Amino acid sequence: MERSAAIIWFRRDLRLADNPALTQALAHHCRVIPVYIHAPEEEDPWSLGSASRWWLHQSLTQLDRSLRERGSRLVVRCGSSLESLRALCYETGAQAVYWNRLIEAPLQKRDANISQALQWAGVQTATFEGSLLFDPAGVRTPTGKITQRFASFYRACLRLGLPADTQPAPEMLPPVPPEIPSVPLTELNLLPKIGWYRGLAESWRPGEAGAIQALKAFCAHNLAGYARLRDRPDLMATSRLSPYLRFGEISPKRIVAAVLAAAQGGGEAFLRELIWREFSYYLLYHFPYLPEKPLDARFEAFPWQRNAPWLVAWQRGQTGIPLVDAGMRELWQTGWMHNRVRMVVASFLTKNLLISWQEGARWFWDTLVDADLANNSQNWQWVAGCGVDAAPYFRIFNPVLQGRKFDPDGNYIRRWVPELKSLPAPWIHAPWEAGPQELKRLGVTLGRSYPQPIVDLIASRSKALAAFAGLPSAPSPMV
């Protein structure tokens, strides 16, 4: 082992277990200095939204606590990543910097420049894959091509084999010299100025320990029924691991290992969803414009509508469509929304209201605790019909039928839209069908206690179909 110090640069890998950069740094150096750099926004055009900033504050707090329990601590710096690393190398005598890579094109370019500059200064650098199961550059069809079809991508991943080899967290870590200064987390100003995030604190336990607890609970209680119940927003039937994955508080390999070890019936369906996440990163890697431009170029000229009152009603859960409103209120209060409902609210915005998917993606980016650039962009494009392997334009989720199918007793709506809690199913999914006298008897007045629908679902569907049908014929997608 070299008699030297190394910096482990934490980014979206805020964990100690199965962290390849940390493992390698400890294997080759006697002293390891854990560092987080809060870089200026110009380094990353996709700066964190409000909910993600709240989560990051909590996650960094937990990471520092875990490090201190093992004899170390987290050194926090603000400013240019390169200049901060240069200064830290000088202060600590570090001869190497280790980090796990990010795949966004601007960050890859930044990291390459940092690596080159540090190596010119005599500092070694090493990067590792810590966020994905597969290198996006290495997943190919049997003919060696990239693919825009999830089925082809899924088969290619299975041919490579799901990696499940993981490394435990170190029991002890070398101390960080006390003279190395660190910026207090409060000075990063990550916590929102308004108190809406209290609902996030009631709903989540950020940090590596919270991630491990969530994984264990899912495997023990919900994995067996996942394939059958995952579309039910009224039930706690999903893993809720997405924010932990987004901040790297748990590795996808550790999730694979736990699911395979549990050997329960829902494992295949759940792992397929984990590979869908890989597909999103794969697309972002090969198509860096994914967050801003439609992958289907025909949609660049699509006549999206600008309707600020409708957009605000959607954001606030005041559309008069119960399942849509329930989902948007769940999002605002908890920073999360059930995946089935995400598809419904996205379809409603882009197809019933004909408001662009970019508007929806921006709102999700600011309010989701699991706001992930690859997932958020790819899933919005998928629902809008302009992504690869996308839902066809004529597939428009009917929120009433979706509610009656997946929230059959209306309990999800009752929780998040309490104005309607007196309505029985199936009226709770379409209160306008009950009639004014029946609604009055149940204490509901549309337009007063609960909004009238801002659009007619049938008429708006017809309008959307006409608009989408006007697109030119689609070119053949990549296999």
Protein backbone atom coordinates (compact mmCIF):
# COMPACT_ATOMS: atom_id res chain seq x y z
CA MET A 1 0.00 0.00 0.00
CA GLU A 2 1.27 3.45 -0.88
CA ARG A 3 2.27 5.67 2.03
CA SER A 4 0.07 8.45 0.70
CA ALA A 5 -3.25 10.25 0.98
CA ALA A 6 -6.15 10.21 -1.46
CA ILE A 7 -9.33 12.23 -1.80
CA ILE A 8 -12.63 10.44 -2.32
CA TRP A 9 -14.88 12.91 -4.10
CA PHE A 10 -18.51 12.19 -3.24
CA ARG A 11 -21.15 13.31 -5.73
CA ARG A 12 -24.23 11.14 -6.39
CA ASP A 13 -22.85 8.21 -4.43
CA LEU A 14 -23.58 9.27 -0.86
CA ARG A 15 -22.93 5.89 0.75
CA LEU A 16 -20.11 3.84 2.24
CA ALA A 17 -21.21 0.33 1.23
CA ASP A 18 -20.54 -0.85 -2.31
CA ASN A 19 -18.87 2.41 -3.27
CA PRO A 20 -16.13 1.41 -5.75
CA ALA A 21 -14.27 4.72 -5.59
CA LEU A 22 -14.08 4.53 -1.79
CA THR A 23 -13.13 0.84 -1.86
CA GLN A 24 -10.27 1.46 -4.28
CA ALA A 25 -9.01 4.52 -2.42
CA LEU A 26 -8.85 2.55 0.82
CA ALA A 27 -7.10 -0.34 -0.93
CA HIS A 28 -4.25 1.83 -2.21
CA HIS A 29 -3.78 4.64 0.31
CA CYS A 30 -3.22 4.93 4.04
CA ARG A 31 -5.17 8.16 4.40
CA VAL A 32 -8.48 8.89 2.67
CA ILE A 33 -10.17 12.30 2.86
CA PRO A 34 -13.93 12.23 2.09
CA VAL A 35 -14.97 15.39 0.25
CA TYR A 36 -18.19 16.91 -1.05
CA ILE A 37 -17.96 20.02 -3.25
CA HIS A 38 -20.98 22.26 -3.69
CA ALA A 39 -20.14 23.58 -7.13
CA PRO A 40 -21.63 26.69 -8.76
CA GLU A 41 -24.60 26.26 -11.09
CA GLU A 42 -22.57 27.04 -14.19
CA GLU A 43 -20.82 23.68 -13.82
CA ASP A 44 -24.12 21.85 -14.22
CA PRO A 45 -26.95 23.31 -16.30
CA TRP A 46 -29.40 21.09 -14.37
CA SER A 47 -29.03 22.42 -10.83
CA LEU A 48 -31.12 20.66 -8.21
CA GLY A 49 -34.77 21.45 -7.64
CA SER A 50 -36.15 22.42 -4.25
CA ALA A 51 -37.18 18.94 -3.08
CA SER A 52 -33.84 17.45 -4.16
CA ARG A 53 -31.94 20.20 -2.35
CA TRP A 54 -33.81 19.33 0.85
CA TRP A 55 -32.93 15.65 0.39
CA LEU A 56 -29.28 16.45 -0.33
CA HIS A 57 -28.99 18.41 2.93
CA GLN A 58 -30.33 15.46 4.90
CA SER A 59 -28.22 12.93 2.98
CA LEU A 60 -24.99 14.83 3.51
CA THR A 61 -25.82 15.11 7.20
CA GLN A 62 -26.26 11.35 7.41
CA LEU A 63 -23.10 10.67 5.40
CA ASP A 64 -21.06 12.84 7.73
CA ARG A 65 -22.57 11.02 10.71
CA SER A 66 -21.67 7.62 9.24
CA LEU A 67 -18.14 8.77 8.55
CA ARG A 68 -17.71 10.11 12.09
CA GLU A 69 -18.93 6.81 13.53
CA ARG A 70 -15.98 5.22 11.71
CA GLY A 71 -13.40 7.78 12.81
CA SER A 72 -13.53 10.09 9.80
CA ARG A 73 -15.63 13.08 8.70
CA LEU A 74 -16.93 14.76 5.57
CA VAL A 75 -15.04 17.80 4.32
CA VAL A 76 -17.42 20.18 2.56
CA ARG A 77 -16.29 22.91 0.20
CA CYS A 78 -18.07 25.48 -1.99
CA GLY A 79 -16.89 26.76 -5.34
CA SER A 80 -15.22 25.48 -8.48
CA SER A 81 -14.72 21.72 -8.36
CA LEU A 82 -11.27 21.93 -9.93
CA GLU A 83 -10.03 24.74 -7.70
CA SER A 84 -11.48 23.07 -4.60
CA LEU A 85 -9.73 19.79 -5.42
CA ARG A 86 -6.47 21.58 -6.14
CA ALA A 87 -6.67 23.34 -2.80
CA LEU A 88 -7.52 20.13 -0.96
CA CYS A 89 -4.63 18.27 -2.57
CA TYR A 90 -2.30 21.03 -1.38
CA GLU A 91 -3.79 21.11 2.14
CA THR A 92 -3.82 17.34 2.64
CA GLY A 93 -0.85 16.24 0.58
CA ALA A 94 -3.18 13.98 -1.39
CA GLN A 95 -1.53 12.36 -4.39
CA ALA A 96 -4.71 10.94 -5.90
CA VAL A 97 -8.39 11.75 -6.33
CA TYR A 98 -11.02 9.01 -6.76
CA TRP A 99 -14.62 9.41 -7.86
CA ASN A 100 -17.55 7.54 -9.37
CA ARG A 101 -18.52 8.83 -12.77
CA LEU A 102 -21.57 10.74 -13.93
CA ILE A 103 -22.86 10.29 -17.47
CA GLU A 104 -24.42 13.67 -18.32
CA ALA A 105 -22.42 15.15 -21.20
CA PRO A 106 -21.56 18.50 -19.52
CA LEU A 107 -20.40 16.72 -16.37
CA GLN A 108 -18.37 14.17 -18.33
CA LYS A 109 -16.62 17.03 -20.08
CA ARG A 110 -16.02 18.83 -16.78
CA ASP A 111 -14.68 15.69 -15.13
CA ALA A 112 -12.34 14.99 -18.05
CA ASN A 113 -10.95 18.52 -17.79
CA ILE A 114 -10.50 18.12 -14.03
CA SER A 115 -8.72 14.80 -14.48
CA GLN A 116 -6.40 16.25 -17.08
CA ALA A 117 -5.58 19.33 -14.99
CA LEU A 118 -4.88 17.30 -11.86
CA GLN A 119 -2.69 14.83 -13.71
CA TRP A 120 -0.67 17.70 -15.16
CA ALA A 121 -0.12 18.80 -11.56
CA GLY A 122 1.13 15.33 -10.62
CA VAL A 123 -2.08 14.11 -8.97
CA GLN A 124 -3.40 10.71 -10.04
CA THR A 125 -7.10 10.33 -10.80
CA ALA A 126 -9.28 7.25 -11.08
CA THR A 127 -12.97 6.96 -11.93
CA PHE A 128 -15.40 4.07 -11.43
CA GLU A 129 -18.96 3.01 -12.25
CA GLY A 130 -20.96 3.35 -9.05
CA SER A 131 -24.45 4.32 -10.16
CA LEU A 132 -25.43 1.83 -12.86
CA LEU A 133 -25.46 -1.89 -13.45
CA PHE A 134 -24.06 -1.52 -16.96
CA ASP A 135 -21.79 0.86 -18.81
CA PRO A 136 -24.14 2.59 -21.30
CA ALA A 137 -21.44 2.38 -23.96
CA GLY A 138 -21.24 -1.38 -23.58
CA VAL A 139 -24.88 -2.40 -24.07
CA ARG A 140 -25.41 -3.37 -27.71
CA THR A 141 -27.68 -5.50 -29.85
CA PRO A 142 -26.29 -8.80 -31.21
CA THR A 143 -25.21 -6.88 -34.33
CA GLY A 144 -23.28 -4.35 -32.24
CA LYS A 145 -25.72 -1.45 -32.57
CA ILE A 146 -27.33 0.81 -29.99
CA THR A 147 -31.07 0.42 -29.67
CA GLN A 148 -34.07 2.63 -29.09
CA ARG A 149 -36.28 -0.29 -28.09
CA PHE A 150 -36.55 -1.26 -24.45
CA ALA A 151 -37.20 -4.90 -25.29
CA SER A 152 -33.92 -5.07 -27.22
CA PHE A 153 -32.09 -3.25 -24.45
CA TYR A 154 -33.57 -5.57 -21.82
CA ARG A 155 -32.46 -8.66 -23.73
CA ALA A 156 -28.97 -7.20 -24.17
CA CYS A 157 -28.71 -6.61 -20.41
CA LEU A 158 -29.81 -10.14 -19.64
CA ARG A 159 -27.15 -11.46 -22.03
CA LEU A 160 -24.54 -9.50 -20.08
CA GLY A 161 -25.88 -10.83 -16.79
CA LEU A 162 -27.15 -8.82 -13.83
CA PRO A 163 -24.19 -7.96 -11.58
CA ALA A 164 -24.83 -8.66 -7.91
CA ASP A 165 -21.33 -8.58 -6.41
CA THR A 166 -21.18 -5.96 -3.66
CA GLN A 167 -18.69 -4.68 -1.11
CA PRO A 168 -19.57 -4.00 2.55
CA ALA A 169 -19.02 -0.63 4.18
CA PRO A 170 -15.63 -0.26 5.88
CA GLU A 171 -15.75 -0.80 9.63
CA MET A 172 -13.24 1.97 10.34
CA LEU A 173 -11.73 4.82 8.36
CA PRO A 174 -8.53 6.82 8.83
CA PRO A 175 -9.08 10.18 10.56
CA VAL A 176 -9.12 13.45 8.68
CA PRO A 177 -6.57 15.91 10.12
CA PRO A 178 -8.44 18.42 12.32
CA GLU A 179 -6.76 21.39 10.65
CA ILE A 180 -8.52 20.67 7.32
CA PRO A 181 -11.43 23.16 7.28
CA SER A 182 -14.96 22.29 6.22
CA VAL A 183 -17.91 24.50 5.33
CA PRO A 184 -20.96 23.95 7.60
CA LEU A 185 -23.80 22.33 5.71
CA THR A 186 -26.14 25.16 6.68
CA GLU A 187 -24.02 27.54 4.59
CA LEU A 188 -24.91 25.59 1.43
CA ASN A 189 -28.44 27.02 1.72
CA LEU A 190 -30.02 23.78 0.56
CA LEU A 191 -33.13 23.98 2.70
CA PRO A 192 -36.04 25.84 1.08
CA LYS A 193 -37.00 29.16 2.59
CA ILE A 194 -40.63 28.16 3.02
CA GLY A 195 -41.85 25.39 5.27
CA TRP A 196 -43.59 23.19 2.69
CA TYR A 197 -40.80 20.62 3.08
CA ARG A 198 -42.10 19.55 6.49
CA GLY A 199 -44.21 16.99 4.66
CA LEU A 200 -41.03 15.59 3.14
CA ALA A 201 -39.51 15.12 6.59
CA GLU A 202 -42.61 13.23 7.72
CA SER A 203 -42.51 10.94 4.70
CA TRP A 204 -38.84 10.05 4.28
CA ARG A 205 -35.64 9.02 6.03
CA PRO A 206 -32.82 10.17 3.74
CA GLY A 207 -29.40 8.56 3.96
CA GLU A 208 -27.79 5.17 3.54
CA ALA A 209 -29.41 3.68 6.65
CA GLY A 210 -32.85 4.73 5.39
CA ALA A 211 -32.12 3.14 2.02
CA ILE A 212 -31.09 -0.18 3.57
CA GLN A 213 -34.17 -0.15 5.79
CA ALA A 214 -36.44 0.52 2.79
CA LEU A 215 -34.85 -2.30 0.78
CA LYS A 216 -35.19 -4.81 3.61
CA ALA A 217 -38.82 -3.85 4.21
CA PHE A 218 -39.66 -4.15 0.52
CA CYS A 219 -38.06 -7.56 0.12
CA ALA A 220 -39.73 -8.84 3.28
CA HIS A 221 -43.25 -7.49 2.76
CA ASN A 222 -43.94 -6.33 -0.80
CA LEU A 223 -41.65 -8.10 -3.26
CA ALA A 224 -43.79 -11.25 -3.51
CA GLY A 225 -46.85 -9.25 -4.54
CA TYR A 226 -45.06 -6.61 -6.56
CA ALA A 227 -46.03 -7.83 -10.04
CA ARG A 228 -49.69 -8.06 -9.02
CA LEU A 229 -50.04 -4.91 -6.89
CA ARG A 230 -47.46 -2.42 -8.15
CA ASP A 231 -50.08 -0.37 -10.04
CA ARG A 232 -52.24 0.22 -6.94
CA PRO A 233 -51.60 3.74 -5.56
CA ASP A 234 -53.92 3.03 -2.63
CA LEU A 235 -51.51 0.37 -1.36
CA MET A 236 -47.92 0.57 -0.15
CA ALA A 237 -46.87 -2.03 -2.71
CA THR A 238 -43.78 -0.46 -4.33
CA SER A 239 -40.21 -0.17 -3.07
CA ARG A 240 -39.97 3.64 -2.75
CA LEU A 241 -36.24 3.24 -3.39
CA SER A 242 -36.09 5.81 -6.21
CA PRO A 243 -34.78 8.79 -4.18
CA TYR A 244 -32.13 6.61 -2.54
CA LEU A 245 -30.96 5.47 -5.97
CA ARG A 246 -31.03 9.02 -7.28
CA PHE A 247 -28.59 10.19 -4.57
CA GLY A 248 -26.57 6.99 -4.59
CA GLU A 249 -27.41 6.11 -1.00
CA ILE A 250 -27.71 2.53 -2.20
CA SER A 251 -26.21 0.90 -5.27
CA PRO A 252 -28.33 -0.85 -7.90
CA LYS A 253 -26.09 -3.92 -7.52
CA ARG A 254 -27.02 -4.16 -3.86
CA ILE A 255 -30.70 -4.05 -4.79
CA VAL A 256 -30.20 -6.81 -7.37
CA ALA A 257 -28.39 -8.95 -4.80
CA ALA A 258 -31.17 -8.48 -2.22
CA VAL A 259 -33.96 -9.24 -4.71
CA LEU A 260 -32.22 -12.36 -6.01
CA ALA A 261 -31.55 -13.53 -2.46
CA ALA A 262 -35.21 -13.07 -1.53
CA ALA A 263 -36.18 -15.36 -4.44
CA GLN A 264 -39.81 -14.28 -4.42
CA GLY A 265 -42.37 -14.13 -7.21
CA GLY A 266 -42.18 -10.39 -7.88
CA GLY A 267 -38.44 -10.37 -8.42
CA GLU A 268 -38.45 -10.52 -12.21
CA ALA A 269 -41.01 -7.73 -12.57
CA PHE A 270 -39.10 -5.52 -10.14
CA LEU A 271 -35.72 -6.13 -11.78
CA ARG A 272 -37.28 -5.25 -15.12
CA GLU A 273 -38.18 -1.84 -13.67
CA LEU A 274 -34.61 -1.45 -12.43
CA ILE A 275 -33.41 -2.11 -15.99
CA TRP A 276 -35.90 0.51 -17.24
CA ARG A 277 -33.90 2.95 -15.11
CA GLU A 278 -30.75 1.73 -16.87
CA PHE A 279 -32.49 2.32 -20.20
CA SER A 280 -33.14 5.95 -19.25
CA TYR A 281 -29.45 6.48 -18.50
CA TYR A 282 -28.51 4.65 -21.68
CA LEU A 283 -30.66 7.04 -23.71
CA LEU A 284 -29.27 10.11 -21.94
CA TYR A 285 -25.74 8.88 -22.64
CA HIS A 286 -26.35 8.32 -26.35
CA PHE A 287 -28.77 11.25 -26.84
CA PRO A 288 -27.52 14.08 -24.56
CA TYR A 289 -30.31 16.41 -25.72
CA LEU A 290 -32.92 14.12 -24.11
CA PRO A 291 -33.92 16.62 -21.35
CA GLU A 292 -34.56 19.47 -23.79
CA LYS A 293 -35.58 18.17 -27.21
CA PRO A 294 -37.95 15.42 -28.30
CA LEU A 295 -36.23 12.26 -29.46
CA ASP A 296 -38.88 12.07 -32.17
CA ALA A 297 -37.95 15.14 -34.21
CA ARG A 298 -41.48 15.42 -35.62
CA PHE A 299 -42.57 16.86 -32.27
CA GLU A 300 -40.32 19.90 -32.53
CA ALA A 301 -43.09 21.63 -34.48
CA PHE A 302 -45.99 20.20 -32.48
CA PRO A 303 -48.57 22.91 -31.60
CA TRP A 304 -48.36 22.70 -27.82
CA GLN A 305 -50.68 25.14 -26.05
CA ARG A 306 -49.65 27.82 -23.61
CA ASN A 307 -52.35 28.06 -20.95
CA ALA A 308 -51.04 29.39 -17.65
CA PRO A 309 -54.30 28.90 -15.66
CA TRP A 310 -54.52 25.26 -16.73
CA LEU A 311 -50.86 24.67 -15.89
CA VAL A 312 -51.27 26.21 -12.43
CA ALA A 313 -54.44 24.16 -11.81
CA TRP A 314 -52.51 21.02 -12.73
CA GLN A 315 -49.57 21.94 -10.51
CA ARG A 316 -51.81 22.66 -7.52
CA GLY A 317 -54.07 19.64 -7.89
CA GLN A 318 -57.12 21.74 -8.77
CA THR A 319 -58.07 20.34 -12.18
CA GLY A 320 -61.40 18.89 -11.06
CA ILE A 321 -60.23 15.42 -12.13
CA PRO A 322 -59.88 13.49 -8.83
CA LEU A 323 -57.08 11.04 -9.66
CA VAL A 324 -55.00 13.79 -11.27
CA ASP A 325 -55.51 16.10 -8.31
CA ALA A 326 -54.72 13.35 -5.81
CA GLY A 327 -51.42 12.64 -7.53
CA MET A 328 -50.37 16.28 -7.76
CA ARG A 329 -51.21 16.85 -4.10
CA GLU A 330 -49.30 13.75 -3.05
CA LEU A 331 -46.34 15.14 -4.99
CA TRP A 332 -46.52 18.54 -3.31
CA GLN A 333 -46.86 17.14 0.21
CA THR A 334 -44.43 14.22 0.05
CA GLY A 335 -42.08 14.92 -2.87
CA TRP A 336 -43.12 11.65 -4.49
CA MET A 337 -45.93 10.20 -6.58
CA HIS A 338 -46.92 6.63 -7.37
CA ASN A 339 -45.65 5.60 -10.80
CA ARG A 340 -49.06 4.67 -12.22
CA VAL A 341 -50.38 8.08 -11.20
CA ARG A 342 -47.31 9.79 -12.68
CA MET A 343 -48.29 8.35 -16.05
CA VAL A 344 -51.87 9.52 -15.61
CA VAL A 345 -51.02 13.11 -14.64
CA ALA A 346 -48.42 13.33 -17.41
CA SER A 347 -50.90 12.05 -20.00
CA PHE A 348 -53.50 14.53 -18.78
CA LEU A 349 -51.10 17.46 -19.10
CA THR A 350 -49.69 16.57 -22.52
CA LYS A 351 -52.75 15.06 -24.18
CA ASN A 352 -55.89 16.43 -22.54
CA LEU A 353 -54.44 19.90 -21.96
CA LEU A 354 -51.91 19.78 -24.83
CA ILE A 355 -49.31 21.49 -22.63
CA SER A 356 -45.73 20.51 -23.48
CA TRP A 357 -43.93 17.71 -21.72
CA GLN A 358 -41.08 20.13 -20.90
CA GLU A 359 -43.44 22.10 -18.62
CA GLY A 360 -44.35 18.94 -16.75
CA ALA A 361 -40.75 17.77 -16.55
CA ARG A 362 -39.71 21.12 -15.06
CA TRP A 363 -42.38 20.89 -12.36
CA PHE A 364 -41.40 17.32 -11.49
CA TRP A 365 -37.74 18.33 -11.44
CA ASP A 366 -38.46 20.94 -8.77
CA THR A 367 -40.85 18.95 -6.60
CA LEU A 368 -39.73 15.29 -6.73
CA VAL A 369 -37.27 14.00 -4.16
CA ASP A 370 -36.25 11.42 -6.77
CA ALA A 371 -35.88 13.99 -9.57
CA ASP A 372 -33.42 12.24 -11.85
CA LEU A 373 -32.48 13.85 -15.15
CA ALA A 374 -32.44 10.61 -17.14
CA ASN A 375 -35.59 9.09 -15.66
CA ASN A 376 -37.56 12.32 -15.59
CA SER A 377 -36.78 13.24 -19.19
CA GLN A 378 -37.22 9.78 -20.65
CA ASN A 379 -40.49 9.06 -18.84
CA TRP A 380 -42.08 12.38 -19.78
CA GLN A 381 -41.14 11.84 -23.41
CA TRP A 382 -42.48 8.28 -23.25
CA VAL A 383 -45.91 9.39 -22.02
CA ALA A 384 -46.06 12.37 -24.39
CA GLY A 385 -45.37 10.07 -27.32
CA CYS A 386 -42.20 11.81 -28.52
CA GLY A 387 -39.58 9.52 -26.98
CA VAL A 388 -38.09 6.27 -28.16
CA ASP A 389 -40.22 3.18 -27.68
CA ALA A 390 -42.89 5.67 -26.65
CA ALA A 391 -46.54 5.17 -25.85
CA PRO A 392 -48.34 5.78 -29.18
CA TYR A 393 -50.03 9.15 -29.55
CA PHE A 394 -53.48 7.53 -29.49
CA ARG A 395 -52.84 6.06 -26.04
CA ILE A 396 -54.41 8.61 -23.73
CA PHE A 397 -54.82 7.56 -20.12
CA ASN A 398 -58.41 8.11 -19.00
CA PRO A 399 -58.02 9.18 -15.34
CA VAL A 400 -61.55 8.05 -14.45
CA LEU A 401 -61.07 4.54 -15.80
CA GLN A 402 -57.55 4.38 -14.37
CA GLY A 403 -58.86 5.37 -10.96
CA ARG A 404 -61.66 2.83 -10.99
CA LYS A 405 -59.26 0.09 -12.03
CA PHE A 406 -56.30 0.81 -9.77
CA ASP A 407 -57.95 2.66 -6.86
CA PRO A 408 -61.18 0.64 -6.82
CA ASP A 409 -62.42 1.78 -3.41
CA GLY A 410 -61.27 5.38 -3.88
CA ASN A 411 -59.01 5.32 -0.82
CA TYR A 412 -56.10 7.00 -2.60
CA ILE A 413 -58.34 9.87 -3.65
CA ARG A 414 -59.89 10.13 -0.18
CA ARG A 415 -56.44 10.52 1.33
CA TRP A 416 -55.25 13.30 -0.94
CA VAL A 417 -58.56 14.95 -1.95
CA PRO A 418 -60.45 15.00 1.36
CA GLU A 419 -63.15 17.27 -0.13
CA LEU A 420 -64.49 14.14 -1.83
CA LYS A 421 -64.10 11.65 1.01
CA SER A 422 -67.88 11.33 1.49
CA LEU A 423 -68.40 10.11 -2.09
CA PRO A 424 -68.66 6.37 -2.63
CA ALA A 425 -66.93 4.57 -5.46
CA PRO A 426 -67.34 4.83 -8.39
CA TRP A 427 -68.58 8.46 -8.09
CA ILE A 428 -65.45 9.55 -6.27
CA HIS A 429 -63.56 9.09 -9.54
CA ALA A 430 -66.06 11.19 -11.52
CA PRO A 431 -68.14 13.28 -9.11
CA TRP A 432 -69.95 15.07 -11.94
CA GLU A 433 -71.67 11.78 -12.75
CA ALA A 434 -73.48 11.75 -9.40
CA GLY A 435 -75.75 14.71 -10.22
CA PRO A 436 -76.12 17.95 -8.21
CA GLN A 437 -78.79 16.70 -5.79
CA GLU A 438 -76.85 13.60 -4.82
CA LEU A 439 -73.66 15.65 -4.47
CA LYS A 440 -75.47 18.16 -2.26
CA ARG A 441 -76.70 15.35 -0.03
CA LEU A 442 -73.10 14.16 0.33
CA GLY A 443 -71.78 17.65 1.08
CA VAL A 444 -70.04 18.32 -2.24
CA THR A 445 -70.68 21.29 -4.50
CA LEU A 446 -68.73 21.29 -7.74
CA GLY A 447 -67.25 24.69 -8.41
CA ARG A 448 -67.24 25.53 -4.69
CA SER A 449 -66.05 22.73 -2.41
CA TYR A 450 -64.26 21.03 -5.32
CA PRO A 451 -63.47 22.40 -8.81
CA GLN A 452 -65.42 21.65 -11.92
CA PRO A 453 -63.24 19.79 -14.46
CA ILE A 454 -61.13 22.29 -16.38
CA VAL A 455 -61.64 20.27 -19.57
CA ASP A 456 -64.08 17.66 -20.80
CA LEU A 457 -62.18 14.37 -20.96
CA ILE A 458 -63.93 13.13 -24.11
CA ALA A 459 -63.73 16.39 -26.06
CA SER A 460 -60.12 17.04 -25.09
CA ARG A 461 -59.19 13.51 -26.09
CA SER A 462 -60.69 14.06 -29.54
CA LYS A 463 -58.81 17.34 -29.90
CA ALA A 464 -55.55 15.66 -28.93
CA LEU A 465 -56.07 12.81 -31.38
CA ALA A 466 -56.64 15.31 -34.17
CA ALA A 467 -53.48 17.22 -33.27
CA PHE A 468 -51.32 14.12 -33.02
CA ALA A 469 -52.75 12.66 -36.21
CA GLY A 470 -51.43 15.72 -38.05
CA LEU A 471 -47.84 14.67 -37.44
CA PRO A 472 -45.86 13.37 -40.42
CA SER A 473 -45.39 9.64 -40.69
CA ALA A 474 -42.85 8.33 -38.21
CA PRO A 475 -39.50 7.05 -39.46
CA SER A 476 -38.54 3.51 -38.57
CA PRO A 477 -36.91 3.42 -35.12
CA MET A 478 -33.61 1.79 -34.34
CA VAL A 479 -34.00 -1.88 -33.43
